Amino acid sequence: AFVRSGDPVVSVDTKKKDLVGAFRNTSRCWIPNGEPEEVLVHGFAHLGQGKAIPYGTYDMVRDREMVNVGVSLDTGEFAVESIRRWWRLVGRRVYPRAERFLICADAGVSNGNRLRVWKLHLQTLVSAIGIPITVCYYPPGTSKWNKIEHRLFSLISMNWRGKPLVSYETVVSLIGGTRPRSGLKVKALL
């Protein structure tokens, strides 16, 4: 019903948090003749720059993705800020006549159905944009049904396999450089 009426439908989730620094990436990739990049064998957090927390907002109607890479904690406030950023930079421009907004999410760490911080910041977002937001949660244990998992996060993992995530700029660049054959467009921001 949301799609038929031209209203936005987004799938949201957080990808696995990864250490940023010259750490070994456990997957493999083929490197032609040349010198492989030297990395640390063990991933001790104090030797790196911190953790990258990619939070994605996947526009299921337009097949477009925006990933907000956080540098601190995966919280409800960060999740809503990522959705707010998507709305401010993309959503309000491509859905100028939107009367409602649907968010599909699993009951995860930052956007769980029992988290008061998530609900509080969602209400703040509703008040700011003036459009009612409906959140549909996937049942427990079924987060793999979330469209963003299949459309983006698995492709990001394949794109940066074997590459050390030496800086936040590298993380943003590798996420933004994800180009699947399906034509999905990905925008990544720090």
C-alpha atoms as a PDB file:
ATOM      1  CA  ALA A   1       0.000   0.000   0.000  1.00  0.00           C
ATOM      2  CA  PHE A   2       2.854   2.401   0.785  1.00  0.00           C
ATOM      3  CA  VAL A   3       4.540   1.673  -2.551  1.00  0.00           C
ATOM      4  CA  ARG A   4       1.295   2.038  -4.523  1.00  0.00           C
ATOM      5  CA  SER A   5       0.592   5.408  -2.947  1.00  0.00           C
ATOM      6  CA  GLY A   6       4.125   6.704  -3.698  1.00  0.00           C
ATOM      7  CA  ASP A   7       5.251   6.840  -0.086  1.00  0.00           C
ATOM      8  CA  PRO A   8       8.788   5.867   0.989  1.00  0.00           C
ATOM      9  CA  VAL A   9       9.517   2.328   2.179  1.00  0.00           C
ATOM     10  CA  VAL A  10      12.980   1.792   3.647  1.00  0.00           C
ATOM     11  CA  SER A  11      14.772  -1.186   5.123  1.00  0.00           C
ATOM     12  CA  VAL A  12      17.273  -0.330   7.857  1.00  0.00           C
ATOM     13  CA  ASP A  13      19.963  -2.226   9.732  1.00  0.00           C
ATOM     14  CA  THR A  14      23.497  -2.095  11.074  1.00  0.00           C
ATOM     15  CA  LYS A  15      26.263  -4.082   9.401  1.00  0.00           C
ATOM     16  CA  LYS A  16      28.871  -5.850  11.509  1.00  0.00           C
ATOM     17  CA  LYS A  17      31.118  -3.403  13.326  1.00  0.00           C
ATOM     18  CA  ASP A  18      34.726  -3.619  12.114  1.00  0.00           C
ATOM     19  CA  LEU A  19      37.955  -2.356  13.645  1.00  0.00           C
ATOM     20  CA  VAL A  20      39.565   0.468  11.694  1.00  0.00           C
ATOM     21  CA  GLY A  21      43.333   0.270  11.388  1.00  0.00           C
ATOM     22  CA  ALA A  22      46.046  -1.839   9.798  1.00  0.00           C
ATOM     23  CA  PHE A  23      44.407  -5.096  10.854  1.00  0.00           C
ATOM     24  CA  ARG A  24      44.151  -8.383   9.013  1.00  0.00           C
ATOM     25  CA  ASN A  25      40.866  -8.853   7.175  1.00  0.00           C
ATOM     26  CA  THR A  26      40.025 -12.536   7.578  1.00  0.00           C
ATOM     27  CA  SER A  27      38.644 -13.056   4.085  1.00  0.00           C
ATOM     28  CA  ARG A  28      40.873 -13.536   1.052  1.00  0.00           C
ATOM     29  CA  CYS A  29      41.377 -11.741  -2.223  1.00  0.00           C
ATOM     30  CA  TRP A  30      43.715 -12.302  -5.129  1.00  0.00           C
ATOM     31  CA  ILE A  31      46.441  -9.681  -5.560  1.00  0.00           C
ATOM     32  CA  PRO A  32      48.433  -9.682  -8.802  1.00  0.00           C
ATOM     33  CA  ASN A  33      52.205  -9.183  -8.743  1.00  0.00           C
ATOM     34  CA  GLY A  34      53.156  -6.619  -6.177  1.00  0.00           C
ATOM     35  CA  GLU A  35      53.601  -6.130  -2.505  1.00  0.00           C
ATOM     36  CA  PRO A  36      50.738  -7.028  -0.198  1.00  0.00           C
ATOM     37  CA  GLU A  37      49.899  -4.458   2.436  1.00  0.00           C
ATOM     38  CA  GLU A  38      51.478  -5.170   5.826  1.00  0.00           C
ATOM     39  CA  VAL A  39      48.955  -5.564   8.613  1.00  0.00           C
ATOM     40  CA  LEU A  40      48.860  -6.570  12.249  1.00  0.00           C
ATOM     41  CA  VAL A  41      47.989 -10.201  12.868  1.00  0.00           C
ATOM     42  CA  HIS A  42      45.881  -9.566  15.961  1.00  0.00           C
ATOM     43  CA  GLY A  43      43.067  -7.035  16.139  1.00  0.00           C
ATOM     44  CA  PHE A  44      43.709  -5.239  19.407  1.00  0.00           C
ATOM     45  CA  ALA A  45      41.339  -2.283  19.468  1.00  0.00           C
ATOM     46  CA  HIS A  46      43.809   0.067  21.173  1.00  0.00           C
ATOM     47  CA  LEU A  47      46.154  -0.244  18.143  1.00  0.00           C
ATOM     48  CA  GLY A  48      43.536   1.082  15.719  1.00  0.00           C
ATOM     49  CA  GLN A  49      41.461   4.197  15.195  1.00  0.00           C
ATOM     50  CA  GLY A  50      38.235   2.743  16.580  1.00  0.00           C
ATOM     51  CA  LYS A  51      35.284   0.887  15.125  1.00  0.00           C
ATOM     52  CA  ALA A  52      33.342   1.622  11.958  1.00  0.00           C
ATOM     53  CA  ILE A  53      29.600   1.170  12.412  1.00  0.00           C
ATOM     54  CA  PRO A  54      27.835   1.109   9.014  1.00  0.00           C
ATOM     55  CA  TYR A  55      24.093   1.820   9.356  1.00  0.00           C
ATOM     56  CA  GLY A  56      22.213   1.426   6.099  1.00  0.00           C
ATOM     57  CA  THR A  57      18.968   2.906   4.850  1.00  0.00           C
ATOM     58  CA  TYR A  58      17.795   1.018   1.751  1.00  0.00           C
ATOM     59  CA  ASP A  59      15.066   2.658  -0.339  1.00  0.00           C
ATOM     60  CA  MET A  60      13.148  -0.420  -1.461  1.00  0.00           C
ATOM     61  CA  VAL A  61      11.078   1.513  -4.032  1.00  0.00           C
ATOM     62  CA  ARG A  62      13.974   3.174  -5.893  1.00  0.00           C
ATOM     63  CA  ASP A  63      16.642   0.486  -5.215  1.00  0.00           C
ATOM     64  CA  ARG A  64      19.041   3.028  -3.738  1.00  0.00           C
ATOM     65  CA  GLU A  65      21.129   2.796  -0.604  1.00  0.00           C
ATOM     66  CA  MET A  66      22.685   5.260   1.787  1.00  0.00           C
ATOM     67  CA  VAL A  67      25.113   4.068   4.451  1.00  0.00           C
ATOM     68  CA  ASN A  68      26.020   6.271   7.367  1.00  0.00           C
ATOM     69  CA  VAL A  69      29.333   5.142   8.902  1.00  0.00           C
ATOM     70  CA  GLY A  70      29.399   5.928  12.593  1.00  0.00           C
ATOM     71  CA  VAL A  71      32.545   6.256  14.672  1.00  0.00           C
ATOM     72  CA  SER A  72      31.260   5.968  18.233  1.00  0.00           C
ATOM     73  CA  LEU A  73      28.406   3.712  19.398  1.00  0.00           C
ATOM     74  CA  ASP A  74      25.530   1.832  17.768  1.00  0.00           C
ATOM     75  CA  THR A  75      22.614   3.497  19.563  1.00  0.00           C
ATOM     76  CA  GLY A  76      19.007   4.345  18.833  1.00  0.00           C
ATOM     77  CA  GLU A  77      20.014   7.976  18.439  1.00  0.00           C
ATOM     78  CA  PHE A  78      22.590   7.038  15.782  1.00  0.00           C
ATOM     79  CA  ALA A  79      20.040   4.861  13.947  1.00  0.00           C
ATOM     80  CA  VAL A  80      17.443   7.636  13.802  1.00  0.00           C
ATOM     81  CA  GLU A  81      20.098  10.179  12.819  1.00  0.00           C
ATOM     82  CA  SER A  82      21.020   7.915   9.891  1.00  0.00           C
ATOM     83  CA  ILE A  83      17.375   7.801   8.781  1.00  0.00           C
ATOM     84  CA  ARG A  84      17.078  11.565   9.292  1.00  0.00           C
ATOM     85  CA  ARG A  85      20.168  12.094   7.150  1.00  0.00           C
ATOM     86  CA  TRP A  86      18.680   9.894   4.399  1.00  0.00           C
ATOM     87  CA  TRP A  87      15.439  11.897   4.523  1.00  0.00           C
ATOM     88  CA  ARG A  88      17.238  15.248   4.473  1.00  0.00           C
ATOM     89  CA  LEU A  89      19.647  14.380   1.652  1.00  0.00           C
ATOM     90  CA  VAL A  90      17.492  12.076  -0.499  1.00  0.00           C
ATOM     91  CA  GLY A  91      14.020  11.232   0.770  1.00  0.00           C
ATOM     92  CA  ARG A  92      12.296  14.598   0.838  1.00  0.00           C
ATOM     93  CA  ARG A  93      13.567  15.368  -2.672  1.00  0.00           C
ATOM     94  CA  VAL A  94      12.395  12.106  -4.297  1.00  0.00           C
ATOM     95  CA  TYR A  95       9.186  11.802  -2.231  1.00  0.00           C
ATOM     96  CA  PRO A  96       7.948  15.422  -2.122  1.00  0.00           C
ATOM     97  CA  ARG A  97       4.282  14.382  -1.735  1.00  0.00           C
ATOM     98  CA  ALA A  98       4.868  11.681   0.885  1.00  0.00           C
ATOM     99  CA  GLU A  99       2.047  11.427   3.389  1.00  0.00           C
ATOM    100  CA  ARG A 100       3.512   8.571   5.417  1.00  0.00           C
ATOM    101  CA  PHE A 101       6.772   6.671   5.821  1.00  0.00           C
ATOM    102  CA  LEU A 102       7.370   2.918   6.363  1.00  0.00           C
ATOM    103  CA  ILE A 103      10.518   1.566   8.025  1.00  0.00           C
ATOM    104  CA  CYS A 104      11.205  -2.197   7.956  1.00  0.00           C
ATOM    105  CA  ALA A 105      13.650  -3.242  10.670  1.00  0.00           C
ATOM    106  CA  ASP A 106      14.726  -6.178  12.767  1.00  0.00           C
ATOM    107  CA  ALA A 107      14.639  -5.776  16.533  1.00  0.00           C
ATOM    108  CA  GLY A 108      18.382  -5.179  16.716  1.00  0.00           C
ATOM    109  CA  VAL A 109      20.722  -3.357  19.051  1.00  0.00           C
ATOM    110  CA  SER A 110      19.985   0.181  17.894  1.00  0.00           C
ATOM    111  CA  ASN A 111      16.442  -0.081  16.527  1.00  0.00           C
ATOM    112  CA  GLY A 112      14.774  -2.646  18.761  1.00  0.00           C
ATOM    113  CA  ASN A 113      11.042  -2.538  19.386  1.00  0.00           C
ATOM    114  CA  ARG A 114      11.583  -2.158  23.153  1.00  0.00           C
ATOM    115  CA  LEU A 115      14.241   0.555  23.079  1.00  0.00           C
ATOM    116  CA  ARG A 116      12.923   3.810  24.468  1.00  0.00           C
ATOM    117  CA  VAL A 117      15.781   5.864  23.020  1.00  0.00           C
ATOM    118  CA  TRP A 118      14.927   4.614  19.505  1.00  0.00           C
ATOM    119  CA  LYS A 119      11.238   5.472  20.012  1.00  0.00           C
ATOM    120  CA  LEU A 120      12.015   8.876  21.514  1.00  0.00           C
ATOM    121  CA  HIS A 121      14.262   9.887  18.627  1.00  0.00           C
ATOM    122  CA  LEU A 122      11.790   8.490  16.073  1.00  0.00           C
ATOM    123  CA  GLN A 123       9.107  10.714  17.578  1.00  0.00           C
ATOM    124  CA  THR A 124      11.476  13.661  17.306  1.00  0.00           C
ATOM    125  CA  LEU A 125      12.010  12.802  13.628  1.00  0.00           C
ATOM    126  CA  VAL A 126       8.242  12.552  13.048  1.00  0.00           C
ATOM    127  CA  SER A 127       7.779  15.981  14.630  1.00  0.00           C
ATOM    128  CA  ALA A 128      10.567  17.447  12.494  1.00  0.00           C
ATOM    129  CA  ILE A 129       9.416  16.103   9.119  1.00  0.00           C
ATOM    130  CA  GLY A 130       5.675  16.234   9.781  1.00  0.00           C
ATOM    131  CA  ILE A 131       4.953  12.776   8.349  1.00  0.00           C
ATOM    132  CA  PRO A 132       3.767   9.782  10.392  1.00  0.00           C
ATOM    133  CA  ILE A 133       6.265   6.902  10.504  1.00  0.00           C
ATOM    134  CA  THR A 134       5.235   3.257  10.727  1.00  0.00           C
ATOM    135  CA  VAL A 135       7.850   0.709  11.811  1.00  0.00           C
ATOM    136  CA  CYS A 136       7.398  -2.965  10.905  1.00  0.00           C
ATOM    137  CA  TYR A 137       9.641  -5.364  12.804  1.00  0.00           C
ATOM    138  CA  TYR A 138      10.718  -8.746  11.539  1.00  0.00           C
ATOM    139  CA  PRO A 139       9.990 -11.561  13.995  1.00  0.00           C
ATOM    140  CA  PRO A 140      12.868 -12.688  16.257  1.00  0.00           C
ATOM    141  CA  GLY A 141      15.356 -14.909  14.454  1.00  0.00           C
ATOM    142  CA  THR A 142      14.302 -13.751  10.982  1.00  0.00           C
ATOM    143  CA  SER A 143      16.551 -10.743  10.475  1.00  0.00           C
ATOM    144  CA  LYS A 144      17.907 -12.388   7.320  1.00  0.00           C
ATOM    145  CA  TRP A 145      14.559 -11.545   5.703  1.00  0.00           C
ATOM    146  CA  ASN A 146      15.512  -7.889   5.935  1.00  0.00           C
ATOM    147  CA  LYS A 147      16.042  -6.689   2.339  1.00  0.00           C
ATOM    148  CA  ILE A 148      19.100  -4.649   3.232  1.00  0.00           C
ATOM    149  CA  GLU A 149      20.948  -7.815   4.264  1.00  0.00           C
ATOM    150  CA  HIS A 150      20.677  -9.322   0.780  1.00  0.00           C
ATOM    151  CA  ARG A 151      20.748  -6.174  -1.312  1.00  0.00           C
ATOM    152  CA  LEU A 152      23.727  -4.524   0.311  1.00  0.00           C
ATOM    153  CA  PHE A 153      25.533  -5.908   3.333  1.00  0.00           C
ATOM    154  CA  SER A 154      26.589  -9.168   1.710  1.00  0.00           C
ATOM    155  CA  LEU A 155      27.866  -7.193  -1.301  1.00  0.00           C
ATOM    156  CA  ILE A 156      29.852  -4.810   0.897  1.00  0.00           C
ATOM    157  CA  SER A 157      31.517  -7.793   2.576  1.00  0.00           C
ATOM    158  CA  MET A 158      32.477  -9.205  -0.820  1.00  0.00           C
ATOM    159  CA  ASN A 159      33.722  -5.807  -2.007  1.00  0.00           C
ATOM    160  CA  TRP A 160      36.146  -5.265   0.871  1.00  0.00           C
ATOM    161  CA  ARG A 161      37.237  -8.881   1.375  1.00  0.00           C
ATOM    162  CA  GLY A 162      40.916  -9.162   2.100  1.00  0.00           C
ATOM    163  CA  LYS A 163      41.417  -5.377   2.137  1.00  0.00           C
ATOM    164  CA  PRO A 164      42.581  -3.864   5.421  1.00  0.00           C
ATOM    165  CA  LEU A 165      40.270  -1.114   6.643  1.00  0.00           C
ATOM    166  CA  VAL A 166      43.128   1.246   7.474  1.00  0.00           C
ATOM    167  CA  SER A 167      41.031   4.414   7.875  1.00  0.00           C
ATOM    168  CA  TYR A 168      37.444   5.613   8.033  1.00  0.00           C
ATOM    169  CA  GLU A 169      37.905   7.116   4.566  1.00  0.00           C
ATOM    170  CA  THR A 170      38.831   3.632   3.290  1.00  0.00           C
ATOM    171  CA  VAL A 171      35.654   2.194   4.821  1.00  0.00           C
ATOM    172  CA  VAL A 172      33.483   4.917   3.249  1.00  0.00           C
ATOM    173  CA  SER A 173      35.240   4.515  -0.106  1.00  0.00           C
ATOM    174  CA  LEU A 174      34.847   0.727  -0.174  1.00  0.00           C
ATOM    175  CA  ILE A 175      31.163   0.928   0.780  1.00  0.00           C
ATOM    176  CA  GLY A 176      30.497   3.665  -1.778  1.00  0.00           C
ATOM    177  CA  GLY A 177      32.368   1.663  -4.424  1.00  0.00           C
ATOM    178  CA  THR A 178      30.020  -1.314  -4.082  1.00  0.00           C
ATOM    179  CA  ARG A 179      28.428  -1.767  -7.511  1.00  0.00           C
ATOM    180  CA  PRO A 180      26.366  -4.944  -7.896  1.00  0.00           C
ATOM    181  CA  ARG A 181      25.179  -6.106 -11.315  1.00  0.00           C
ATOM    182  CA  SER A 182      21.582  -5.364 -10.345  1.00  0.00           C
ATOM    183  CA  GLY A 183      22.226  -1.614 -10.656  1.00  0.00           C
ATOM    184  CA  LEU A 184      21.910  -0.770  -6.962  1.00  0.00           C
ATOM    185  CA  LYS A 185      23.463   2.629  -6.248  1.00  0.00           C
ATOM    186  CA  VAL A 186      25.214   3.093  -2.917  1.00  0.00           C
ATOM    187  CA  LYS A 187      26.098   6.369  -1.229  1.00  0.00           C
ATOM    188  CA  ALA A 188      28.307   6.267   1.868  1.00  0.00           C
ATOM    189  CA  LEU A 189      28.949   9.073   4.362  1.00  0.00           C
ATOM    190  CA  LEU A 190      31.041   9.343   7.517  1.00  0.00           C
END
